[in-house]
PDB file of N, CA and C in Angstrom:
ATOM      1  N   MET A   1     138.042 110.619 -47.999  1.00  0.00           N
ATOM      2  CA  MET A   1     138.883 110.813 -46.826  1.00  0.00           C
ATOM      3  C   MET A   1     138.500 112.033 -45.850  1.00  0.00           C
ATOM      4  N   MET A   2     138.102 112.905 -46.740  1.00  0.00           N
ATOM      5  CA  MET A   2     137.685 114.026 -45.360  1.00  0.00           C
ATOM      6  C   MET A   2     136.273 113.915 -45.112  1.00  0.00           C
ATOM      7  N   GLY A   3     135.480 113.254 -45.670  1.00  0.00           N
ATOM      8  CA  GLY A   3     133.941 112.744 -45.189  1.00  0.00           C
ATOM      9  C   GLY A   3     134.354 111.882 -43.794  1.00  0.00           C
ATOM     10  N   ASN A   4     135.287 111.088 -44.103  1.00  0.00           N
ATOM     11  CA  ASN A   4     135.779 109.955 -42.929  1.00  0.00           C
ATOM     12  C   ASN A   4     135.930 110.884 -41.579  1.00  0.00           C
ATOM     13  N   ILE A   5     136.963 111.843 -41.964  1.00  0.00           N
ATOM     14  CA  ILE A   5     137.180 112.758 -40.798  1.00  0.00           C
ATOM     15  C   ILE A   5     136.245 113.372 -40.261  1.00  0.00           C
ATOM     16  N   VAL A   6     135.548 114.157 -40.797  1.00  0.00           N
ATOM     17  CA  VAL A   6     134.081 114.638 -40.535  1.00  0.00           C
ATOM     18  C   VAL A   6     133.004 113.979 -39.512  1.00  0.00           C
ATOM     19  N   VAL A   7     133.005 112.473 -40.143  1.00  0.00           N
ATOM     20  CA  VAL A   7     131.835 111.692 -39.361  1.00  0.00           C
ATOM     21  C   VAL A   7     132.953 111.096 -37.991  1.00  0.00           C
ATOM     22  N   PHE A   8     134.022 110.953 -38.309  1.00  0.00           N
ATOM     23  CA  PHE A   8     134.693 110.627 -37.011  1.00  0.00           C
ATOM     24  C   PHE A   8     134.831 111.672 -35.553  1.00  0.00           C
ATOM     25  N   ILE A   9     134.776 112.859 -36.520  1.00  0.00           N
ATOM     26  CA  ILE A   9     134.808 113.938 -35.166  1.00  0.00           C
ATOM     27  C   ILE A   9     133.384 113.953 -34.847  1.00  0.00           C
ATOM     28  N   CYS A  10     132.479 113.947 -35.583  1.00  0.00           N
ATOM     29  CA  CYS A  10     131.004 114.062 -35.029  1.00  0.00           C
ATOM     30  C   CYS A  10     130.663 113.025 -34.198  1.00  0.00           C
ATOM     31  N   VAL A  11     131.178 111.767 -34.607  1.00  0.00           N
ATOM     32  CA  VAL A  11     131.028 110.693 -33.472  1.00  0.00           C
ATOM     33  C   VAL A  11     131.652 110.745 -32.224  1.00  0.00           C
ATOM     34  N   ASN A  12     132.954 111.254 -32.407  1.00  0.00           N
ATOM     35  CA  ASN A  12     133.418 111.542 -30.907  1.00  0.00           C
ATOM     36  C   ASN A  12     132.754 112.709 -30.178  1.00  0.00           C
ATOM     37  N   VAL A  13     132.319 113.734 -30.869  1.00  0.00           N
ATOM     38  CA  VAL A  13     131.843 114.871 -29.861  1.00  0.00           C
ATOM     39  C   VAL A  13     130.434 114.357 -29.577  1.00  0.00           C
ATOM     40  N   VAL A  14     129.817 113.629 -30.090  1.00  0.00           N
ATOM     41  CA  VAL A  14     128.315 113.098 -29.530  1.00  0.00           C
ATOM     42  C   VAL A  14     128.492 112.054 -28.559  1.00  0.00           C
ATOM     43  N   GLY A  15     129.671 111.220 -28.600  1.00  0.00           N
ATOM     44  CA  GLY A  15     129.955 110.468 -27.543  1.00  0.00           C
ATOM     45  C   GLY A  15     130.329 110.982 -26.349  1.00  0.00           C
ATOM     46  N   ALA A  16     131.192 111.895 -26.378  1.00  0.00           N
ATOM     47  CA  ALA A  16     131.587 112.731 -25.364  1.00  0.00           C
ATOM     48  C   ALA A  16     130.438 113.602 -24.698  1.00  0.00           C
ATOM     49  N   LEU A  17     129.335 113.950 -25.621  1.00  0.00           N
ATOM     50  CA  LEU A  17     128.520 114.727 -25.075  1.00  0.00           C
ATOM     51  C   LEU A  17     127.577 113.638 -24.264  1.00  0.00           C
ATOM     52  N   MET A  18     127.262 112.430 -24.777  1.00  0.00           N
ATOM     53  CA  MET A  18     126.647 111.396 -24.139  1.00  0.00           C
ATOM     54  C   MET A  18     127.149 111.077 -22.834  1.00  0.00           C
ATOM     55  N   HIS A  19     128.458 111.089 -22.844  1.00  0.00           N
ATOM     56  CA  HIS A  19     129.126 110.624 -21.770  1.00  0.00           C
ATOM     57  C   HIS A  19     129.202 111.305 -20.554  1.00  0.00           C
ATOM     58  N   SER A  20     128.993 112.710 -20.976  1.00  0.00           N
ATOM     59  CA  SER A  20     128.839 114.081 -19.946  1.00  0.00           C
ATOM     60  C   SER A  20     127.387 113.986 -19.476  1.00  0.00           C
ATOM     61  N   LEU A  21     126.468 113.596 -19.960  1.00  0.00           N
ATOM     62  CA  LEU A  21     124.990 113.711 -20.029  1.00  0.00           C
ATOM     63  C   LEU A  21     124.912 112.441 -18.620  1.00  0.00           C
ATOM     64  N   MET A  22     125.523 111.363 -19.120  1.00  0.00           N
ATOM     65  CA  MET A  22     125.070 109.963 -18.243  1.00  0.00           C
ATOM     66  C   MET A  22     125.987 110.327 -17.017  1.00  0.00           C
ATOM     67  N   GLU A  23     126.892 110.918 -17.021  1.00  0.00           N
ATOM     68  CA  GLU A  23     127.818 111.111 -15.832  1.00  0.00           C
ATOM     69  C   GLU A  23     127.031 112.015 -14.860  1.00  0.00           C
ATOM     70  N   THR A  24     126.371 113.299 -15.521  1.00  0.00           N
ATOM     71  CA  THR A  24     125.693 114.056 -14.538  1.00  0.00           C
ATOM     72  C   THR A  24     124.514 113.278 -13.992  1.00  0.00           C
ATOM     73  N   ALA A  25     123.838 112.477 -14.800  1.00  0.00           N
ATOM     74  CA  ALA A  25     122.589 111.754 -14.155  1.00  0.00           C
ATOM     75  C   ALA A  25     123.140 110.806 -13.414  1.00  0.00           C
ATOM     76  N   GLN A  26     124.238 110.073 -13.416  1.00  0.00           N
ATOM     77  CA  GLN A  26     124.498 109.140 -12.420  1.00  0.00           C
ATOM     78  C   GLN A  26     124.739 109.704 -11.050  1.00  0.00           C
ATOM     79  N   ARG A  27     125.613 110.982 -11.094  1.00  0.00           N
ATOM     80  CA  ARG A  27     125.859 111.796  -9.891  1.00  0.00           C
ATOM     81  C   ARG A  27     124.811 112.164  -9.432  1.00  0.00           C
ATOM     82  N   ARG A  28     124.005 112.619 -10.031  1.00  0.00           N
ATOM     83  CA  ARG A  28     122.665 113.156  -9.341  1.00  0.00           C
ATOM     84  C   ARG A  28     121.928 112.106  -8.750  1.00  0.00           C
ATOM     85  N   ALA A  29     121.799 110.998  -9.256  1.00  0.00           N
ATOM     86  CA  ALA A  29     121.234 109.922  -8.605  1.00  0.00           C
ATOM     87  C   ALA A  29     122.012 109.329  -7.553  1.00  0.00           C
ATOM     88  N   PHE A  30     123.159 109.276  -7.441  1.00  0.00           N
ATOM     89  CA  PHE A  30     123.922 108.711  -6.304  1.00  0.00           C
ATOM     90  C   PHE A  30     123.799 109.887  -5.130  1.00  0.00           C
ATOM     91  N   LEU A  31     123.745 111.068  -5.380  1.00  0.00           N
ATOM     92  CA  LEU A  31     123.590 112.304  -4.491  1.00  0.00           C
ATOM     93  C   LEU A  31     122.208 112.473  -3.782  1.00  0.00           C
ATOM     94  N   ASP A  32     121.092 111.919  -4.615  1.00  0.00           N
ATOM     95  CA  ASP A  32     119.737 111.807  -4.165  1.00  0.00           C
ATOM     96  C   ASP A  32     119.730 110.699  -3.327  1.00  0.00           C
ATOM     97  N   THR A  33     120.241 109.445  -3.499  1.00  0.00           N
ATOM     98  CA  THR A  33     120.138 107.987  -2.761  1.00  0.00           C
ATOM     99  C   THR A  33     120.903 108.465  -1.355  1.00  0.00           C
ATOM    100  N   ARG A  34     122.124 109.277  -1.667  1.00  0.00           N
ATOM    101  CA  ARG A  34     122.724 109.427  -0.473  1.00  0.00           C
ATOM    102  C   ARG A  34     121.886 110.432   0.535  1.00  0.00           C
ATOM    103  N   ASN A  35     121.334 111.494   0.026  1.00  0.00           N
ATOM    104  CA  ASN A  35     120.510 112.219   0.942  1.00  0.00           C
ATOM    105  C   ASN A  35     119.190 111.458   1.567  1.00  0.00           C
ATOM    106  N   CYS A  36     118.865 110.721   0.604  1.00  0.00           N
ATOM    107  CA  CYS A  36     117.654 109.885   1.146  1.00  0.00           C
ATOM    108  C   CYS A  36     118.170 108.913   2.468  1.00  0.00           C
ATOM    109  N   ILE A  37     119.297 108.346   2.238  1.00  0.00           N
ATOM    110  CA  ILE A  37     119.746 107.258   3.349  1.00  0.00           C
ATOM    111  C   ILE A  37     119.965 108.357   4.225  1.00  0.00           C
ATOM    112  N   ALA A  38     120.610 109.561   4.183  1.00  0.00           N
ATOM    113  CA  ALA A  38     120.830 110.449   5.415  1.00  0.00           C
ATOM    114  C   ALA A  38     119.722 111.030   6.196  1.00  0.00           C
ATOM    115  N   ALA A  39     118.675 111.230   5.538  1.00  0.00           N
ATOM    116  CA  ALA A  39     117.625 111.842   6.137  1.00  0.00           C
ATOM    117  C   ALA A  39     116.577 110.388   6.729  1.00  0.00           C
ATOM    118  N   ARG A  40     116.791 109.155   6.539  1.00  0.00           N
ATOM    119  CA  ARG A  40     116.213 108.000   6.690  1.00  0.00           C
ATOM    120  C   ARG A  40     117.109 107.715   8.320  1.00  0.00           C
ATOM    121  N   LEU A  41     118.523 107.856   8.226  1.00  0.00           N
ATOM    122  CA  LEU A  41     119.514 107.722   9.496  1.00  0.00           C
ATOM    123  C   LEU A  41     119.138 108.740  10.457  1.00  0.00           C
ATOM    124  N   ASP A  42     118.601 109.997  10.054  1.00  0.00           N
ATOM    125  CA  ASP A  42     118.254 110.910  10.872  1.00  0.00           C
ATOM    126  C   ASP A  42     117.095 110.947  11.622  1.00  0.00           C
ATOM    127  N   MET A  43     116.040 110.646  10.868  1.00  0.00           N
ATOM    128  CA  MET A  43     114.848 110.126  11.298  1.00  0.00           C
ATOM    129  C   MET A  43     114.724 108.944  12.400  1.00  0.00           C
ATOM    130  N   GLU A  44     115.763 107.916  12.307  1.00  0.00           N
ATOM    131  CA  GLU A  44     115.901 106.804  12.998  1.00  0.00           C
ATOM    132  C   GLU A  44     116.312 107.220  14.421  1.00  0.00           C
ATOM    133  N   ASP A  45     117.337 108.212  14.218  1.00  0.00           N
ATOM    134  CA  ASP A  45     118.152 108.801  15.364  1.00  0.00           C
ATOM    135  C   ASP A  45     116.951 109.709  16.152  1.00  0.00           C
ATOM    136  N   GLU A  46     116.171 110.335  15.610  1.00  0.00           N
ATOM    137  CA  GLU A  46     115.135 111.194  16.344  1.00  0.00           C
ATOM    138  C   GLU A  46     114.059 110.209  16.986  1.00  0.00           C
ATOM    139  N   ASN A  47     113.726 109.395  16.104  1.00  0.00           N
ATOM    140  CA  ASN A  47     112.881 108.204  16.821  1.00  0.00           C
ATOM    141  C   ASN A  47     113.405 107.537  17.918  1.00  0.00           C
ATOM    142  N   GLU A  48     114.551 107.142  18.189  1.00  0.00           N
ATOM    143  CA  GLU A  48     115.428 106.846  19.172  1.00  0.00           C
ATOM    144  C   GLU A  48     115.361 107.712  20.540  1.00  0.00           C
ATOM    145  N   LYS A  49     115.357 108.965  20.030  1.00  0.00           N
ATOM    146  CA  LYS A  49     115.652 109.997  21.277  1.00  0.00           C
ATOM    147  C   LYS A  49     113.983 110.225  21.943  1.00  0.00           C
ATOM    148  N   LEU A  50     112.990 110.112  20.816  1.00  0.00           N
ATOM    149  CA  LEU A  50     111.697 110.235  21.423  1.00  0.00           C
ATOM    150  C   LEU A  50     111.327 108.995  22.228  1.00  0.00           C
ATOM    151  N   GLU A  51     111.709 107.735  21.730  1.00  0.00           N
ATOM    152  CA  GLU A  51     111.499 106.856  22.698  1.00  0.00           C
ATOM    153  C   GLU A  51     112.128 106.740  23.944  1.00  0.00           C
ATOM    154  N   ARG A  52     113.425 107.109  23.979  1.00  0.00           N
ATOM    155  CA  ARG A  52     114.068 107.240  25.232  1.00  0.00           C
ATOM    156  C   ARG A  52     113.419 108.242  26.063  1.00  0.00           C
ATOM    157  N   LEU A  53     112.866 109.409  25.392  1.00  0.00           N
ATOM    158  CA  LEU A  53     112.107 110.716  26.478  1.00  0.00           C
ATOM    159  C   LEU A  53     111.050 109.949  26.678  1.00  0.00           C
ATOM    160  N   LEU A  54     110.388 109.286  26.084  1.00  0.00           N
ATOM    161  CA  LEU A  54     109.047 108.620  26.605  1.00  0.00           C
ATOM    162  C   LEU A  54     109.185 107.703  27.398  1.00  0.00           C
ATOM    163  N   LEU A  55     110.255 106.993  27.607  1.00  0.00           N
ATOM    164  CA  LEU A  55     110.678 105.717  28.389  1.00  0.00           C
ATOM    165  C   LEU A  55     110.911 106.706  29.600  1.00  0.00           C
ATOM    166  N   SER A  56     111.486 107.647  29.913  1.00  0.00           N
ATOM    167  CA  SER A  56     112.136 108.518  30.914  1.00  0.00           C
ATOM    168  C   SER A  56     110.785 109.002  31.624  1.00  0.00           C
ATOM    169  N   VAL A  57     109.824 109.089  30.860  1.00  0.00           N
ATOM    170  CA  VAL A  57     108.591 109.729  31.495  1.00  0.00           C
ATOM    171  C   VAL A  57     107.518 108.858  32.265  1.00  0.00           C
ATOM    172  N   LEU A  58     107.292 107.850  31.358  1.00  0.00           N
ATOM    173  CA  LEU A  58     106.530 107.034  31.558  1.00  0.00           C
ATOM    174  C   LEU A  58     106.827 105.377  31.984  1.00  0.00           C
ATOM    175  N   PRO A  59     106.220 104.656  32.765  1.00  0.00           N
ATOM    176  CA  PRO A  59     106.918 103.488  32.860  1.00  0.00           C
ATOM    177  C   PRO A  59     106.620 102.669  31.507  1.00  0.00           C
ATOM    178  N   GLN A  60     107.692 101.603  31.336  1.00  0.00           N
ATOM    179  CA  GLN A  60     107.487 100.624  29.931  1.00  0.00           C
ATOM    180  C   GLN A  60     106.337 100.149  29.483  1.00  0.00           C
ATOM    181  N   HIS A  61     105.356  99.595  30.317  1.00  0.00           N
ATOM    182  CA  HIS A  61     104.282  99.135  29.986  1.00  0.00           C
ATOM    183  C   HIS A  61     103.419  99.825  29.480  1.00  0.00           C
ATOM    184  N   VAL A  62     103.287 101.265  30.089  1.00  0.00           N
ATOM    185  CA  VAL A  62     102.489 102.302  29.509  1.00  0.00           C
ATOM    186  C   VAL A  62     102.771 102.639  28.308  1.00  0.00           C
ATOM    187  N   ALA A  63     104.185 103.044  28.092  1.00  0.00           N
ATOM    188  CA  ALA A  63     104.673 103.643  26.849  1.00  0.00           C
ATOM    189  C   ALA A  63     104.415 102.750  26.066  1.00  0.00           C
ATOM    190  N   MET A  64     104.663 101.315  26.058  1.00  0.00           N
ATOM    191  CA  MET A  64     104.664 100.599  24.847  1.00  0.00           C
ATOM    192  C   MET A  64     103.007 100.495  24.499  1.00  0.00           C
ATOM    193  N   GLU A  65     102.159 100.370  25.424  1.00  0.00           N
ATOM    194  CA  GLU A  65     100.634 100.485  25.074  1.00  0.00           C
ATOM    195  C   GLU A  65     100.224 101.644  24.273  1.00  0.00           C
ATOM    196  N   MET A  66     100.718 102.848  24.595  1.00  0.00           N
ATOM    197  CA  MET A  66     100.590 104.218  23.894  1.00  0.00           C
ATOM    198  C   MET A  66     101.200 103.975  22.619  1.00  0.00           C
ATOM    199  N   LYS A  67     102.387 103.394  22.298  1.00  0.00           N
ATOM    200  CA  LYS A  67     102.911 103.018  21.267  1.00  0.00           C
ATOM    201  C   LYS A  67     102.147 102.391  20.062  1.00  0.00           C
ATOM    202  N   ASN A  68     101.567 101.312  20.731  1.00  0.00           N
ATOM    203  CA  ASN A  68     100.891 100.265  19.940  1.00  0.00           C
ATOM    204  C   ASN A  68      99.576 101.149  19.462  1.00  0.00           C
ATOM    205  N   ASP A  69      98.918 101.825  20.366  1.00  0.00           N
ATOM    206  CA  ASP A  69      97.804 102.588  19.938  1.00  0.00           C
ATOM    207  C   ASP A  69      98.133 103.502  18.819  1.00  0.00           C
ATOM    208  N   ILE A  70      99.259 104.370  18.985  1.00  0.00           N
ATOM    209  CA  ILE A  70      99.618 105.352  17.987  1.00  0.00           C
ATOM    210  C   ILE A  70      99.822 104.636  16.691  1.00  0.00           C
ATOM    211  N   ILE A  71     100.491 103.421  16.726  1.00  0.00           N
ATOM    212  CA  ILE A  71     100.793 102.760  15.418  1.00  0.00           C
ATOM    213  C   ILE A  71      99.237 102.093  14.788  1.00  0.00           C
ATOM    214  N   SER A  72      98.527 101.592  15.689  1.00  0.00           N
ATOM    215  CA  SER A  72      97.532 101.046  15.234  1.00  0.00           C
ATOM    216  C   SER A  72      96.118 101.486  15.899  1.00  0.00           C
ATOM    217  N   PRO A  73      95.584 102.537  15.426  1.00  0.00           N
ATOM    218  CA  PRO A  73      94.508 103.358  16.335  1.00  0.00           C
ATOM    219  C   PRO A  73      93.327 102.549  16.045  1.00  0.00           C
ATOM    220  N   VAL A  74      92.426 102.653  17.213  1.00  0.00           N
ATOM    221  CA  VAL A  74      91.302 102.246  17.199  1.00  0.00           C
ATOM    222  C   VAL A  74      90.125 103.276  16.767  1.00  0.00           C
ATOM    223  N   GLU A  75      89.243 103.101  15.796  1.00  0.00           N
ATOM    224  CA  GLU A  75      88.265 103.939  15.385  1.00  0.00           C
ATOM    225  C   GLU A  75      87.396 104.410  16.359  1.00  0.00           C
ATOM    226  N   GLY A  76      86.821 105.714  16.334  1.00  0.00           N
ATOM    227  CA  GLY A  76      85.933 106.038  17.193  1.00  0.00           C
ATOM    228  C   GLY A  76      86.382 106.242  18.690  1.00  0.00           C
ATOM    229  N   GLN A  77      87.903 105.853  18.734  1.00  0.00           N
ATOM    230  CA  GLN A  77      88.470 106.191  20.193  1.00  0.00           C
ATOM    231  C   GLN A  77      89.427 107.489  20.129  1.00  0.00           C
ATOM    232  N   PHE A  78      88.701 108.599  20.864  1.00  0.00           N
ATOM    233  CA  PHE A  78      89.480 109.730  20.923  1.00  0.00           C
ATOM    234  C   PHE A  78      90.747 109.848  21.614  1.00  0.00           C
ATOM    235  N   HIS A  79      90.544 109.786  22.900  1.00  0.00           N
ATOM    236  CA  HIS A  79      91.718 109.729  23.813  1.00  0.00           C
ATOM    237  C   HIS A  79      91.479 108.404  24.855  1.00  0.00           C
ATOM    238  N   LYS A  80      92.471 107.555  24.810  1.00  0.00           N
ATOM    239  CA  LYS A  80      92.411 106.532  25.898  1.00  0.00           C
ATOM    240  C   LYS A  80      93.170 106.893  27.061  1.00  0.00           C
ATOM    241  N   ILE A  81      92.526 106.406  28.215  1.00  0.00           N
ATOM    242  CA  ILE A  81      93.121 106.972  29.310  1.00  0.00           C
ATOM    243  C   ILE A  81      93.891 105.346  30.005  1.00  0.00           C
ATOM    244  N   TYR A  82      95.130 105.798  30.087  1.00  0.00           N
ATOM    245  CA  TYR A  82      96.114 104.481  30.314  1.00  0.00           C
ATOM    246  C   TYR A  82      95.835 104.240  32.082  1.00  0.00           C
ATOM    247  N   ILE A  83      95.065 103.897  32.672  1.00  0.00           N
ATOM    248  CA  ILE A  83      94.974 103.544  33.954  1.00  0.00           C
ATOM    249  C   ILE A  83      94.821 101.817  34.260  1.00  0.00           C
ATOM    250  N   GLN A  84      95.316 101.514  34.965  1.00  0.00           N
ATOM    251  CA  GLN A  84      95.290  99.932  35.642  1.00  0.00           C
ATOM    252  C   GLN A  84      95.024  99.960  37.017  1.00  0.00           C
ATOM    253  N   LYS A  85      94.064  99.099  37.232  1.00  0.00           N
ATOM    254  CA  LYS A  85      93.739  98.928  38.578  1.00  0.00           C
ATOM    255  C   LYS A  85      94.550  97.823  39.344  1.00  0.00           C
ATOM    256  N   HIS A  86      94.844  98.280  40.441  1.00  0.00           N
ATOM    257  CA  HIS A  86      95.658  97.253  41.345  1.00  0.00           C
ATOM    258  C   HIS A  86      95.114  97.015  42.612  1.00  0.00           C
ATOM    259  N   GLU A  87      95.123  95.688  42.971  1.00  0.00           N
ATOM    260  CA  GLU A  87      94.336  95.270  44.316  1.00  0.00           C
ATOM    261  C   GLU A  87      95.788  95.389  45.426  1.00  0.00           C
ATOM    262  N   GLN A  88      95.086  95.796  46.368  1.00  0.00           N
ATOM    263  CA  GLN A  88      95.864  95.967  47.783  1.00  0.00           C
ATOM    264  C   GLN A  88      96.994  96.604  47.827  1.00  0.00           C
ATOM    265  N   VAL A  89      97.119  97.596  47.307  1.00  0.00           N
ATOM    266  CA  VAL A  89      98.092  98.510  47.233  1.00  0.00           C
ATOM    267  C   VAL A  89      98.282  99.185  48.404  1.00  0.00           C
ATOM    268  N   ARG A  90      99.570  99.366  48.854  1.00  0.00           N
ATOM    269  CA  ARG A  90     100.192  99.804  50.005  1.00  0.00           C
ATOM    270  C   ARG A  90     100.735 100.966  50.112  1.00  0.00           C
TER     271      ARG A  90
END
């Protein structure tokens, strides 16, 4: 009878400890995921601000060409000059 009580208490203590450890791990995983999502959203906001700034300074076709060159750079090309020739400009 006394042995059953000791086993019962030990099993409950181990169960409570495991529950506490699992709860802590789940909370940490949740907070890490939340922080990752918040950082991604902040980065997307910053990218939108940078794109608006770029479009406020340059014409859209030049800005898009620059973005494409930054995303997929050509090897051996240090600085590209974004100049277009226009005929009969007044």
